[in-house]
Amino acid sequence: MTKIIFENDTGRLCLSGGGDEAWRITRITGLGMSDKKYQTVSYFSEAGQKTVSERREARIITIAGDVLGTEKSAAHKISRAIKILDKPGWLVIRSNGVTRRIEAYCTGFEEGDAYGIFKKFAMQFCCDCPYFEDVGNDFVALFKRTKEIKNTFKFPKIFTGRISGGVVINRGDVEAEPIFNIYFGAEIAAEKKIILTICNETSDCKLVMTLYPKPCDVVTIDIAKRRIYNDRGENLITSLSDDSSLNKFILKEGANNINVTSDAETNLSIVCRFVNRYLEAVC
């Protein structure tokens, strides 16, 4: 049985393909592969065309069904649903023991005819990013005493050499955009210059930063949001070297060999966080 939940700060709307939910799904589209847009060129002297680029379009999800209730109770349920649907949120799909989610906003809601104790409805969602993702992050510790990456670890992890790394496994269908959390120890000299390099040898991309951390600083590199900042809220995007680019740093599908290099021997640890992303949620 498929269950769909749309939730945000306003509330939670639950829809189901069966069971005792008030909102019952009769038809849903948009959970499979999203559309692609292709750019092509053609030449007078050649047959056919050549595809020069492709881009995956935003995902459109449409849900139709029935809402259970008397005329008065159905009107109350619809009024509450409209308040929830008016703001963007997460669309969570649970099917066959698998749970995936996608950021979405409702672009349309229509009430249909009433029949018996049911009233028809239809709602449509737009997902700017077309990929579904796991509920929860994967974590991999990169800077540790050894290069051995285990499934579990506890803080603090102290790095006392200059080079470390690990293998990050992206189990999704497409590339992932990670978040790196850099934890500096209490023993470091305040605002000492540190040049830190994070390199993904698999995708041949790297980030080189010049940092002046304070003891116990936490620096976050958010690839998806194109941000670098510390736990005091200071913008550190200027710490990035001219030959580094946040939008090019990705985790490819499968194994990614990540190396981290520091020009100074200092106490720090780095954790890589990311979510697996999928082309579909039909499970």
Protein backbone atom coordinates (compact mmCIF):
# COMPACT_ATOMS: atom_id res chain seq x y z
CA MET A 1 0.00 0.00 0.00
CA THR A 2 1.28 3.46 -0.92
CA LYS A 3 1.10 6.30 1.56
CA ILE A 4 1.95 9.92 0.76
CA ILE A 5 2.54 12.65 3.33
CA PHE A 6 2.95 16.34 2.61
CA GLU A 7 4.38 18.21 5.59
CA ASN A 8 5.75 21.61 6.50
CA ASP A 9 5.71 24.01 9.45
CA THR A 10 1.96 24.51 9.04
CA GLY A 11 0.97 20.88 9.40
CA ARG A 12 0.79 17.40 7.92
CA LEU A 13 -1.51 16.04 5.24
CA CYS A 14 -1.72 12.24 4.91
CA LEU A 15 -3.01 10.48 1.81
CA SER A 16 -3.27 6.73 1.28
CA GLY A 17 -4.13 4.20 -1.37
CA GLY A 18 -6.30 2.41 1.19
CA GLY A 19 -6.76 1.95 4.91
CA ASP A 20 -8.59 4.40 7.13
CA GLU A 21 -7.15 7.72 5.92
CA ALA A 22 -9.70 10.44 5.17
CA TRP A 23 -7.79 11.36 2.01
CA ARG A 24 -7.85 8.42 -0.43
CA ILE A 25 -5.71 8.27 -3.56
CA THR A 26 -7.33 6.96 -6.75
CA ARG A 27 -4.65 8.08 -9.23
CA ILE A 28 -1.13 9.45 -9.05
CA THR A 29 1.37 10.41 -11.75
CA GLY A 30 4.90 11.77 -11.66
CA LEU A 31 6.68 9.25 -9.44
CA GLY A 32 8.66 7.65 -12.26
CA MET A 33 11.35 9.16 -14.47
CA SER A 34 11.09 12.93 -14.89
CA ASP A 35 11.25 14.51 -18.32
CA LYS A 36 14.44 15.65 -20.01
CA LYS A 37 14.94 18.56 -22.36
CA TYR A 38 17.42 18.13 -25.20
CA GLN A 39 19.23 20.72 -27.25
CA THR A 40 19.92 19.58 -30.79
CA VAL A 41 21.51 20.89 -33.96
CA SER A 42 20.99 19.78 -37.55
CA TYR A 43 23.05 20.28 -40.68
CA PHE A 44 21.75 20.59 -44.20
CA SER A 45 24.25 18.07 -45.54
CA GLU A 46 23.60 15.43 -42.83
CA ALA A 47 20.60 13.26 -42.08
CA GLY A 48 18.91 13.54 -38.69
CA GLN A 49 20.28 15.68 -35.90
CA LYS A 50 22.94 15.77 -33.20
CA THR A 51 22.14 16.10 -29.51
CA VAL A 52 24.56 18.56 -27.95
CA SER A 53 23.20 18.83 -24.41
CA GLU A 54 20.48 17.58 -22.10
CA ARG A 55 18.83 18.86 -18.94
CA ARG A 56 16.42 17.15 -16.61
CA GLU A 57 13.22 19.15 -16.13
CA ALA A 58 11.42 19.94 -12.87
CA ARG A 59 9.17 17.12 -11.68
CA ILE A 60 5.37 17.47 -11.72
CA ILE A 61 3.38 15.17 -9.42
CA THR A 62 -0.41 14.99 -9.73
CA ILE A 63 -2.64 13.27 -7.18
CA ALA A 64 -6.37 12.63 -7.60
CA GLY A 65 -8.69 10.99 -5.12
CA ASP A 66 -11.58 11.24 -2.69
CA VAL A 67 -11.91 12.88 0.68
CA LEU A 68 -14.15 11.10 3.16
CA GLY A 69 -16.72 12.98 5.23
CA THR A 70 -20.08 14.64 5.38
CA GLU A 71 -20.48 17.93 3.56
CA LYS A 72 -19.54 19.89 6.68
CA SER A 73 -16.61 17.71 7.76
CA ALA A 74 -15.27 17.47 4.20
CA ALA A 75 -15.31 21.26 3.93
CA HIS A 76 -13.35 21.50 7.19
CA LYS A 77 -10.77 18.94 5.97
CA ILE A 78 -10.35 20.77 2.66
CA SER A 79 -9.97 24.14 4.41
CA ARG A 80 -7.23 22.75 6.64
CA ALA A 81 -5.51 21.06 3.69
CA ILE A 82 -5.41 24.31 1.71
CA LYS A 83 -3.62 26.05 4.60
CA ILE A 84 -0.97 23.30 4.61
CA LEU A 85 -0.64 23.18 0.82
CA ASP A 86 -0.19 26.95 0.59
CA LYS A 87 3.45 26.64 1.74
CA PRO A 88 6.31 24.53 0.33
CA GLY A 89 7.30 21.37 2.16
CA TRP A 90 8.40 17.76 1.87
CA LEU A 91 6.43 15.19 -0.08
CA VAL A 92 7.16 11.80 1.53
CA ILE A 93 6.33 8.59 -0.35
CA ARG A 94 6.12 5.27 1.50
CA SER A 95 5.68 2.15 -0.61
CA ASN A 96 6.67 -1.51 -0.23
CA GLY A 97 8.79 -0.80 2.83
CA VAL A 98 10.77 1.99 1.13
CA THR A 99 10.54 5.65 2.14
CA ARG A 100 11.72 8.51 -0.06
CA ARG A 101 11.02 12.22 -0.09
CA ILE A 102 11.23 15.26 -2.36
CA GLU A 103 10.94 19.00 -1.81
CA ALA A 104 7.74 20.31 -3.42
CA TYR A 105 5.22 23.11 -3.52
CA CYS A 106 1.57 22.81 -4.48
CA THR A 107 0.72 24.62 -7.71
CA GLY A 108 -2.96 23.74 -7.80
CA PHE A 109 -5.81 22.26 -5.77
CA GLU A 110 -9.32 21.60 -7.10
CA GLU A 111 -12.46 20.29 -5.47
CA GLY A 112 -14.67 17.97 -7.49
CA ASP A 113 -18.23 16.70 -7.22
CA ALA A 114 -19.57 15.05 -4.10
CA TYR A 115 -21.01 11.53 -4.22
CA GLY A 116 -22.32 9.84 -1.13
CA ILE A 117 -19.90 10.43 1.75
CA PHE A 118 -17.00 11.26 -0.60
CA LYS A 119 -15.88 14.35 -2.46
CA LYS A 120 -13.41 14.28 -5.32
CA PHE A 121 -10.19 16.30 -5.28
CA ALA A 122 -7.10 16.85 -7.38
CA MET A 123 -3.80 18.46 -6.39
CA GLN A 124 -0.60 19.12 -8.27
CA PHE A 125 2.95 19.61 -6.99
CA CYS A 126 6.03 21.05 -8.64
CA CYS A 127 9.48 19.83 -7.56
CA ASP A 128 12.25 22.16 -8.72
CA CYS A 129 14.83 19.42 -8.06
CA PRO A 130 13.44 16.29 -9.76
CA TYR A 131 15.31 13.76 -7.60
CA PHE A 132 13.88 11.81 -4.68
CA GLU A 133 16.13 11.20 -1.71
CA ASP A 134 16.47 9.00 1.34
CA VAL A 135 15.01 10.22 4.61
CA GLY A 136 18.17 10.83 6.62
CA ASN A 137 21.83 11.43 5.75
CA ASP A 138 24.79 9.16 5.18
CA PHE A 139 27.88 10.05 7.24
CA VAL A 140 31.51 9.26 6.55
CA ALA A 141 34.42 10.39 8.74
CA LEU A 142 37.35 11.49 6.57
CA PHE A 143 40.04 12.78 8.94
CA LYS A 144 40.87 10.05 11.44
CA ARG A 145 43.97 8.49 12.99
CA THR A 146 44.05 5.88 10.21
CA LYS A 147 42.61 5.56 6.72
CA GLU A 148 40.32 2.73 7.76
CA ILE A 149 36.70 3.88 7.47
CA LYS A 150 34.30 2.02 9.74
CA ASN A 151 30.53 2.03 9.77
CA THR A 152 30.34 3.67 13.20
CA PHE A 153 32.43 6.32 14.87
CA LYS A 154 32.29 8.67 17.83
CA PHE A 155 33.47 12.21 18.33
CA PRO A 156 36.04 13.51 18.75
CA LYS A 157 38.19 12.07 15.98
CA ILE A 158 41.63 13.68 16.22
CA PHE A 159 43.86 14.02 13.15
CA THR A 160 47.54 14.32 13.96
CA GLY A 161 49.07 13.88 10.50
CA ARG A 162 48.80 15.90 7.31
CA ILE A 163 46.97 13.57 4.92
CA SER A 164 43.91 11.41 5.40
CA GLY A 165 40.86 10.30 3.48
CA GLY A 166 38.36 7.60 2.84
CA VAL A 167 35.89 6.07 0.44
CA VAL A 168 32.43 7.63 0.26
CA ILE A 169 29.77 5.37 -1.26
CA ASN A 170 26.94 7.08 -3.13
CA ARG A 171 24.23 4.42 -3.46
CA GLY A 172 21.84 6.67 -5.37
CA ASP A 173 21.03 6.80 -9.08
CA VAL A 174 22.65 10.21 -9.69
CA GLU A 175 25.41 12.40 -8.34
CA ALA A 176 25.12 13.79 -4.80
CA GLU A 177 26.09 17.20 -3.39
CA PRO A 178 27.76 16.71 0.01
CA ILE A 179 28.11 18.82 3.13
CA PHE A 180 31.51 18.87 4.87
CA ASN A 181 31.76 19.73 8.57
CA ILE A 182 35.28 20.65 9.69
CA TYR A 183 35.85 20.45 13.47
CA PHE A 184 38.94 22.22 14.80
CA GLY A 185 40.38 21.19 18.16
CA ALA A 186 40.77 23.33 21.24
CA GLU A 187 44.55 23.08 21.03
CA ILE A 188 45.06 24.98 17.77
CA ALA A 189 46.62 28.44 17.80
CA ALA A 190 43.96 31.12 17.39
CA GLU A 191 43.58 32.34 13.80
CA LYS A 192 46.62 30.46 12.56
CA LYS A 193 46.64 30.21 8.76
CA ILE A 194 45.67 26.73 7.53
CA ILE A 195 45.43 25.70 3.89
CA LEU A 196 43.05 22.78 3.56
CA THR A 197 42.41 20.77 0.38
CA ILE A 198 39.51 18.37 -0.11
CA CYS A 199 39.91 16.34 -3.30
CA ASN A 200 37.54 13.86 -4.92
CA GLU A 201 39.90 11.79 -7.04
CA THR A 202 36.99 9.89 -8.61
CA SER A 203 35.28 12.95 -10.09
CA ASP A 204 38.54 14.93 -10.42
CA CYS A 205 37.36 17.96 -8.47
CA LYS A 206 38.80 19.73 -5.45
CA LEU A 207 38.25 22.50 -2.93
CA VAL A 208 41.20 24.51 -1.66
CA MET A 209 40.57 26.86 1.28
CA THR A 210 42.68 29.25 3.32
CA LEU A 211 41.24 29.34 6.83
CA TYR A 212 42.09 31.22 10.03
CA PRO A 213 40.09 29.22 12.60
CA LYS A 214 39.73 29.82 16.30
CA PRO A 215 39.90 26.97 18.85
CA CYS A 216 36.83 24.70 18.66
CA ASP A 217 35.60 26.32 15.45
CA VAL A 218 33.24 24.38 13.18
CA VAL A 219 33.36 25.26 9.48
CA THR A 220 30.61 24.02 7.15
CA ILE A 221 30.92 23.63 3.38
CA ASP A 222 27.43 23.24 1.90
CA ILE A 223 27.84 22.32 -1.77
CA ALA A 224 24.14 22.38 -2.68
CA LYS A 225 23.57 25.84 -1.19
CA ARG A 226 26.98 27.13 -2.41
CA ARG A 227 27.91 28.31 1.08
CA ILE A 228 30.94 28.19 3.38
CA TYR A 229 30.47 29.48 6.93
CA ASN A 230 31.48 28.87 10.55
CA ASP A 231 29.36 28.22 13.63
CA ARG A 232 29.41 31.96 14.44
CA GLY A 233 27.57 32.63 11.20
CA GLU A 234 30.50 34.27 9.40
CA ASN A 235 30.55 33.94 5.61
CA LEU A 236 33.80 32.25 4.55
CA ILE A 237 33.17 31.95 0.82
CA THR A 238 36.20 34.18 0.14
CA SER A 239 38.41 31.50 1.71
CA LEU A 240 37.92 29.40 -1.43
CA SER A 241 40.73 29.55 -3.99
CA ASP A 242 40.10 30.97 -7.46
CA ASP A 243 40.60 27.58 -9.12
CA SER A 244 38.01 25.88 -6.88
CA SER A 245 34.28 25.72 -7.62
CA LEU A 246 31.51 24.57 -5.29
CA ASN A 247 29.12 23.68 -8.12
CA LYS A 248 31.62 21.24 -9.64
CA PHE A 249 32.28 19.26 -6.45
CA ILE A 250 30.02 16.20 -6.63
CA LEU A 251 29.92 12.62 -5.43
CA LYS A 252 29.51 10.32 -8.41
CA GLU A 253 27.39 7.18 -8.24
CA GLY A 254 29.28 4.40 -6.51
CA ALA A 255 32.61 4.72 -4.71
CA ASN A 256 34.32 8.11 -4.38
CA ASN A 257 37.91 8.35 -3.16
CA ILE A 258 38.16 11.50 -1.03
CA ASN A 259 41.52 12.81 0.17
CA VAL A 260 42.01 15.68 2.60
CA THR A 261 45.34 17.50 2.88
CA SER A 262 46.43 20.13 5.39
CA ASP A 263 49.60 22.20 5.14
CA ALA A 264 49.81 22.33 8.94
CA GLU A 265 49.89 19.52 11.48
CA THR A 266 46.88 20.38 13.59
CA ASN A 267 44.04 18.75 15.47
CA LEU A 268 40.91 18.63 13.34
CA SER A 269 38.32 16.19 12.05
CA ILE A 270 36.13 16.24 8.97
CA VAL A 271 32.79 14.55 8.38
CA CYS A 272 31.15 14.23 4.96
CA ARG A 273 27.33 14.18 4.96
CA PHE A 274 25.09 13.55 1.96
CA VAL A 275 21.83 11.96 0.85
CA ASN A 276 21.38 9.32 -1.81
CA ARG A 277 19.24 10.65 -4.66
CA TYR A 278 16.99 8.62 -6.96
CA LEU A 279 15.31 8.95 -10.35
CA GLU A 280 12.02 7.54 -9.10
CA ALA A 281 9.92 6.67 -6.09
CA VAL A 282 7.72 3.94 -7.51
CA CYS A 283 9.69 1.40 -5.45
